Amino acid sequence: LEDGLPKLEKTINLGFRFDLILVSAVWMHLAPTHRERAFRKLANLLAPNGRLVISLRHGDFSDGRKAYPVSVEELEKFAKNRALMVRNVSLDDDQLQRTGVSWQTIVMSLPDDGS
Protein backbone atom coordinates (compact mmCIF):
# COMPACT_ATOMS: atom_id res chain seq x y z
CA LEU A 1 0.00 0.00 0.00
CA GLU A 2 1.50 3.31 -1.04
CA ASP A 3 0.10 6.32 0.79
CA GLY A 4 1.33 9.59 2.21
CA LEU A 5 0.86 12.13 4.94
CA PRO A 6 -1.04 14.28 5.57
CA LYS A 7 -3.91 12.79 3.51
CA LEU A 8 -3.60 9.01 4.06
CA GLU A 9 -6.63 8.54 1.80
CA LYS A 10 -5.88 4.94 0.78
CA THR A 11 -5.20 3.85 4.34
CA ILE A 12 -8.31 5.55 5.71
CA ASN A 13 -10.45 4.03 2.95
CA LEU A 14 -9.47 0.54 4.12
CA GLY A 15 -11.62 1.11 7.20
CA PHE A 16 -9.14 -0.55 9.56
CA ARG A 17 -7.97 0.49 13.00
CA PHE A 18 -4.40 -0.30 13.98
CA ASP A 19 -2.79 -1.50 17.21
CA LEU A 20 0.50 0.14 16.24
CA ILE A 21 1.36 2.97 13.88
CA LEU A 22 5.05 3.76 13.40
CA VAL A 23 6.05 7.08 11.84
CA SER A 24 9.81 6.71 11.60
CA ALA A 25 12.05 9.45 10.17
CA VAL A 26 9.09 11.17 8.50
CA TRP A 27 7.67 13.87 10.78
CA MET A 28 10.44 16.43 10.16
CA HIS A 29 9.68 16.36 6.43
CA LEU A 30 6.07 17.47 6.99
CA ALA A 31 5.55 21.21 6.84
CA PRO A 32 4.35 22.52 10.21
CA THR A 33 1.09 23.65 8.58
CA HIS A 34 0.28 19.99 7.72
CA ARG A 35 1.19 18.38 11.02
CA GLU A 36 -1.96 18.87 13.07
CA ARG A 37 -4.10 17.43 10.27
CA ALA A 38 -1.69 14.51 9.83
CA PHE A 39 -1.69 13.81 13.57
CA ARG A 40 -5.50 13.87 13.68
CA LYS A 41 -5.68 11.35 10.85
CA LEU A 42 -3.11 9.08 12.50
CA ALA A 43 -4.91 9.26 15.86
CA ASN A 44 -8.22 8.38 14.19
CA LEU A 45 -6.63 5.22 12.76
CA LEU A 46 -5.72 3.85 16.20
CA ALA A 47 -7.62 0.98 17.76
CA PRO A 48 -8.46 1.24 21.48
CA ASN A 49 -5.18 0.81 23.40
CA GLY A 50 -3.34 1.33 20.10
CA ARG A 51 0.09 2.94 20.09
CA LEU A 52 1.36 5.75 17.91
CA VAL A 53 5.16 5.94 17.78
CA ILE A 54 6.81 8.92 16.11
CA SER A 55 10.55 9.46 15.77
CA LEU A 56 11.91 12.98 15.53
CA ARG A 57 15.24 13.77 13.91
CA HIS A 58 17.11 16.77 15.23
CA GLY A 59 19.94 18.22 13.15
CA ASP A 60 20.61 19.50 9.67
CA PHE A 61 20.39 17.48 6.47
CA SER A 62 23.48 17.62 4.29
CA ASP A 63 21.90 15.90 1.29
CA GLY A 64 19.48 18.64 0.24
CA ARG A 65 16.28 17.07 1.58
CA LYS A 66 13.74 19.52 2.96
CA ALA A 67 13.18 19.30 6.70
CA TYR A 68 11.59 21.47 9.36
CA PRO A 69 12.29 21.82 13.08
CA VAL A 70 10.36 19.36 15.26
CA SER A 71 9.64 19.10 18.97
CA VAL A 72 8.21 16.71 21.51
CA GLU A 73 6.20 19.63 22.91
CA GLU A 74 4.32 19.97 19.62
CA LEU A 75 3.43 16.26 19.66
CA GLU A 76 2.41 16.44 23.33
CA LYS A 77 0.01 19.25 22.44
CA PHE A 78 -1.45 17.31 19.52
CA ALA A 79 -1.76 14.21 21.73
CA LYS A 80 -3.62 16.13 24.42
CA ASN A 81 -6.01 17.57 21.83
CA ARG A 82 -6.79 14.05 20.53
CA ALA A 83 -7.05 12.39 23.99
CA LEU A 84 -3.88 10.34 23.50
CA MET A 85 -1.62 9.64 26.46
CA VAL A 86 2.12 10.14 26.18
CA ARG A 87 3.67 6.89 27.44
CA ASN A 88 7.36 7.40 26.82
CA VAL A 89 9.85 9.88 25.39
CA SER A 90 13.42 8.83 24.67
CA LEU A 91 16.49 10.64 23.37
CA ASP A 92 19.09 8.73 21.38
CA ASP A 93 22.34 9.44 19.58
CA ASP A 94 22.33 8.98 15.82
CA GLN A 95 23.06 5.33 14.99
CA LEU A 96 24.99 6.45 11.89
CA GLN A 97 27.10 8.72 14.11
CA ARG A 98 26.38 11.85 12.09
CA THR A 99 27.67 14.99 13.77
CA GLY A 100 24.92 17.17 15.21
CA VAL A 101 22.16 14.59 14.68
CA SER A 102 20.08 13.09 17.47
CA TRP A 103 16.71 11.38 17.67
CA GLN A 104 13.75 11.48 19.99
CA THR A 105 11.03 8.86 20.01
CA ILE A 106 7.63 9.54 21.51
CA VAL A 107 5.18 6.73 22.26
CA MET A 108 1.52 7.65 22.66
CA SER A 109 -1.57 5.52 23.20
CA LEU A 110 -5.30 5.82 22.76
CA PRO A 111 -6.98 4.76 26.00
CA ASP A 112 -9.74 2.17 25.74
CA ASP A 113 -12.91 3.96 26.81
CA GLY A 114 -14.79 0.66 27.14
CA SER A 115 -17.07 1.12 24.15
C-alpha atoms as a PDB file:
ATOM      1  CA  LEU A   1       0.000   0.000   0.000  1.00  0.00           C
ATOM      2  CA  GLU A   2       1.496   3.309  -1.041  1.00  0.00           C
ATOM      3  CA  ASP A   3       0.097   6.323   0.786  1.00  0.00           C
ATOM      4  CA  GLY A   4       1.330   9.594   2.208  1.00  0.00           C
ATOM      5  CA  LEU A   5       0.858  12.133   4.944  1.00  0.00           C
ATOM      6  CA  PRO A   6      -1.041  14.278   5.567  1.00  0.00           C
ATOM      7  CA  LYS A   7      -3.914  12.786   3.509  1.00  0.00           C
ATOM      8  CA  LEU A   8      -3.598   9.011   4.059  1.00  0.00           C
ATOM      9  CA  GLU A   9      -6.625   8.541   1.795  1.00  0.00           C
ATOM     10  CA  LYS A  10      -5.879   4.941   0.783  1.00  0.00           C
ATOM     11  CA  THR A  11      -5.199   3.853   4.343  1.00  0.00           C
ATOM     12  CA  ILE A  12      -8.307   5.555   5.707  1.00  0.00           C
ATOM     13  CA  ASN A  13     -10.454   4.032   2.954  1.00  0.00           C
ATOM     14  CA  LEU A  14      -9.467   0.540   4.116  1.00  0.00           C
ATOM     15  CA  GLY A  15     -11.621   1.110   7.203  1.00  0.00           C
ATOM     16  CA  PHE A  16      -9.136  -0.555   9.561  1.00  0.00           C
ATOM     17  CA  ARG A  17      -7.970   0.487  13.003  1.00  0.00           C
ATOM     18  CA  PHE A  18      -4.404  -0.303  13.981  1.00  0.00           C
ATOM     19  CA  ASP A  19      -2.789  -1.498  17.210  1.00  0.00           C
ATOM     20  CA  LEU A  20       0.501   0.135  16.236  1.00  0.00           C
ATOM     21  CA  ILE A  21       1.359   2.974  13.882  1.00  0.00           C
ATOM     22  CA  LEU A  22       5.053   3.759  13.399  1.00  0.00           C
ATOM     23  CA  VAL A  23       6.048   7.078  11.844  1.00  0.00           C
ATOM     24  CA  SER A  24       9.808   6.707  11.595  1.00  0.00           C
ATOM     25  CA  ALA A  25      12.049   9.448  10.171  1.00  0.00           C
ATOM     26  CA  VAL A  26       9.093  11.172   8.496  1.00  0.00           C
ATOM     27  CA  TRP A  27       7.675  13.866  10.777  1.00  0.00           C
ATOM     28  CA  MET A  28      10.439  16.426  10.160  1.00  0.00           C
ATOM     29  CA  HIS A  29       9.676  16.356   6.433  1.00  0.00           C
ATOM     30  CA  LEU A  30       6.072  17.472   6.990  1.00  0.00           C
ATOM     31  CA  ALA A  31       5.545  21.209   6.840  1.00  0.00           C
ATOM     32  CA  PRO A  32       4.353  22.520  10.211  1.00  0.00           C
ATOM     33  CA  THR A  33       1.094  23.646   8.583  1.00  0.00           C
ATOM     34  CA  HIS A  34       0.279  19.991   7.722  1.00  0.00           C
ATOM     35  CA  ARG A  35       1.193  18.376  11.021  1.00  0.00           C
ATOM     36  CA  GLU A  36      -1.959  18.870  13.073  1.00  0.00           C
ATOM     37  CA  ARG A  37      -4.098  17.426  10.265  1.00  0.00           C
ATOM     38  CA  ALA A  38      -1.694  14.510   9.828  1.00  0.00           C
ATOM     39  CA  PHE A  39      -1.695  13.814  13.569  1.00  0.00           C
ATOM     40  CA  ARG A  40      -5.496  13.865  13.677  1.00  0.00           C
ATOM     41  CA  LYS A  41      -5.681  11.348  10.848  1.00  0.00           C
ATOM     42  CA  LEU A  42      -3.113   9.078  12.503  1.00  0.00           C
ATOM     43  CA  ALA A  43      -4.911   9.257  15.862  1.00  0.00           C
ATOM     44  CA  ASN A  44      -8.219   8.380  14.187  1.00  0.00           C
ATOM     45  CA  LEU A  45      -6.625   5.222  12.760  1.00  0.00           C
ATOM     46  CA  LEU A  46      -5.720   3.853  16.201  1.00  0.00           C
ATOM     47  CA  ALA A  47      -7.624   0.984  17.763  1.00  0.00           C
ATOM     48  CA  PRO A  48      -8.460   1.238  21.484  1.00  0.00           C
ATOM     49  CA  ASN A  49      -5.178   0.808  23.400  1.00  0.00           C
ATOM     50  CA  GLY A  50      -3.344   1.334  20.105  1.00  0.00           C
ATOM     51  CA  ARG A  51       0.095   2.942  20.091  1.00  0.00           C
ATOM     52  CA  LEU A  52       1.357   5.754  17.909  1.00  0.00           C
ATOM     53  CA  VAL A  53       5.156   5.944  17.783  1.00  0.00           C
ATOM     54  CA  ILE A  54       6.814   8.924  16.107  1.00  0.00           C
ATOM     55  CA  SER A  55      10.552   9.464  15.768  1.00  0.00           C
ATOM     56  CA  LEU A  56      11.912  12.984  15.526  1.00  0.00           C
ATOM     57  CA  ARG A  57      15.239  13.769  13.905  1.00  0.00           C
ATOM     58  CA  HIS A  58      17.113  16.775  15.227  1.00  0.00           C
ATOM     59  CA  GLY A  59      19.936  18.225  13.154  1.00  0.00           C
ATOM     60  CA  ASP A  60      20.606  19.498   9.673  1.00  0.00           C
ATOM     61  CA  PHE A  61      20.388  17.478   6.467  1.00  0.00           C
ATOM     62  CA  SER A  62      23.482  17.624   4.293  1.00  0.00           C
ATOM     63  CA  ASP A  63      21.900  15.901   1.291  1.00  0.00           C
ATOM     64  CA  GLY A  64      19.479  18.642   0.238  1.00  0.00           C
ATOM     65  CA  ARG A  65      16.283  17.070   1.584  1.00  0.00           C
ATOM     66  CA  LYS A  66      13.736  19.522   2.963  1.00  0.00           C
ATOM     67  CA  ALA A  67      13.183  19.297   6.701  1.00  0.00           C
ATOM     68  CA  TYR A  68      11.586  21.468   9.357  1.00  0.00           C
ATOM     69  CA  PRO A  69      12.289  21.821  13.079  1.00  0.00           C
ATOM     70  CA  VAL A  70      10.363  19.364  15.259  1.00  0.00           C
ATOM     71  CA  SER A  71       9.643  19.098  18.974  1.00  0.00           C
ATOM     72  CA  VAL A  72       8.212  16.709  21.511  1.00  0.00           C
ATOM     73  CA  GLU A  73       6.205  19.627  22.908  1.00  0.00           C
ATOM     74  CA  GLU A  74       4.322  19.968  19.623  1.00  0.00           C
ATOM     75  CA  LEU A  75       3.435  16.264  19.660  1.00  0.00           C
ATOM     76  CA  GLU A  76       2.415  16.436  23.328  1.00  0.00           C
ATOM     77  CA  LYS A  77       0.010  19.255  22.444  1.00  0.00           C
ATOM     78  CA  PHE A  78      -1.447  17.306  19.522  1.00  0.00           C
ATOM     79  CA  ALA A  79      -1.763  14.208  21.731  1.00  0.00           C
ATOM     80  CA  LYS A  80      -3.620  16.126  24.423  1.00  0.00           C
ATOM     81  CA  ASN A  81      -6.011  17.574  21.830  1.00  0.00           C
ATOM     82  CA  ARG A  82      -6.788  14.048  20.527  1.00  0.00           C
ATOM     83  CA  ALA A  83      -7.051  12.388  23.994  1.00  0.00           C
ATOM     84  CA  LEU A  84      -3.879  10.339  23.503  1.00  0.00           C
ATOM     85  CA  MET A  85      -1.622   9.644  26.457  1.00  0.00           C
ATOM     86  CA  VAL A  86       2.123  10.137  26.184  1.00  0.00           C
ATOM     87  CA  ARG A  87       3.666   6.889  27.443  1.00  0.00           C
ATOM     88  CA  ASN A  88       7.360   7.404  26.823  1.00  0.00           C
ATOM     89  CA  VAL A  89       9.848   9.883  25.387  1.00  0.00           C
ATOM     90  CA  SER A  90      13.417   8.828  24.668  1.00  0.00           C
ATOM     91  CA  LEU A  91      16.485  10.642  23.375  1.00  0.00           C
ATOM     92  CA  ASP A  92      19.091   8.728  21.381  1.00  0.00           C
ATOM     93  CA  ASP A  93      22.338   9.437  19.578  1.00  0.00           C
ATOM     94  CA  ASP A  94      22.328   8.978  15.825  1.00  0.00           C
ATOM     95  CA  GLN A  95      23.063   5.330  14.986  1.00  0.00           C
ATOM     96  CA  LEU A  96      24.989   6.449  11.889  1.00  0.00           C
ATOM     97  CA  GLN A  97      27.102   8.722  14.113  1.00  0.00           C
ATOM     98  CA  ARG A  98      26.376  11.854  12.085  1.00  0.00           C
ATOM     99  CA  THR A  99      27.668  14.992  13.769  1.00  0.00           C
ATOM    100  CA  GLY A 100      24.918  17.170  15.210  1.00  0.00           C
ATOM    101  CA  VAL A 101      22.162  14.595  14.677  1.00  0.00           C
ATOM    102  CA  SER A 102      20.078  13.093  17.466  1.00  0.00           C
ATOM    103  CA  TRP A 103      16.708  11.383  17.668  1.00  0.00           C
ATOM    104  CA  GLN A 104      13.745  11.475  19.991  1.00  0.00           C
ATOM    105  CA  THR A 105      11.026   8.863  20.007  1.00  0.00           C
ATOM    106  CA  ILE A 106       7.630   9.541  21.511  1.00  0.00           C
ATOM    107  CA  VAL A 107       5.181   6.731  22.256  1.00  0.00           C
ATOM    108  CA  MET A 108       1.517   7.651  22.664  1.00  0.00           C
ATOM    109  CA  SER A 109      -1.565   5.517  23.197  1.00  0.00           C
ATOM    110  CA  LEU A 110      -5.297   5.815  22.761  1.00  0.00           C
ATOM    111  CA  PRO A 111      -6.976   4.763  26.003  1.00  0.00           C
ATOM    112  CA  ASP A 112      -9.741   2.175  25.743  1.00  0.00           C
ATOM    113  CA  ASP A 113     -12.910   3.965  26.808  1.00  0.00           C
ATOM    114  CA  GLY A 114     -14.785   0.664  27.139  1.00  0.00           C
ATOM    115  CA  SER A 115     -17.071   1.118  24.146  1.00  0.00           C
END
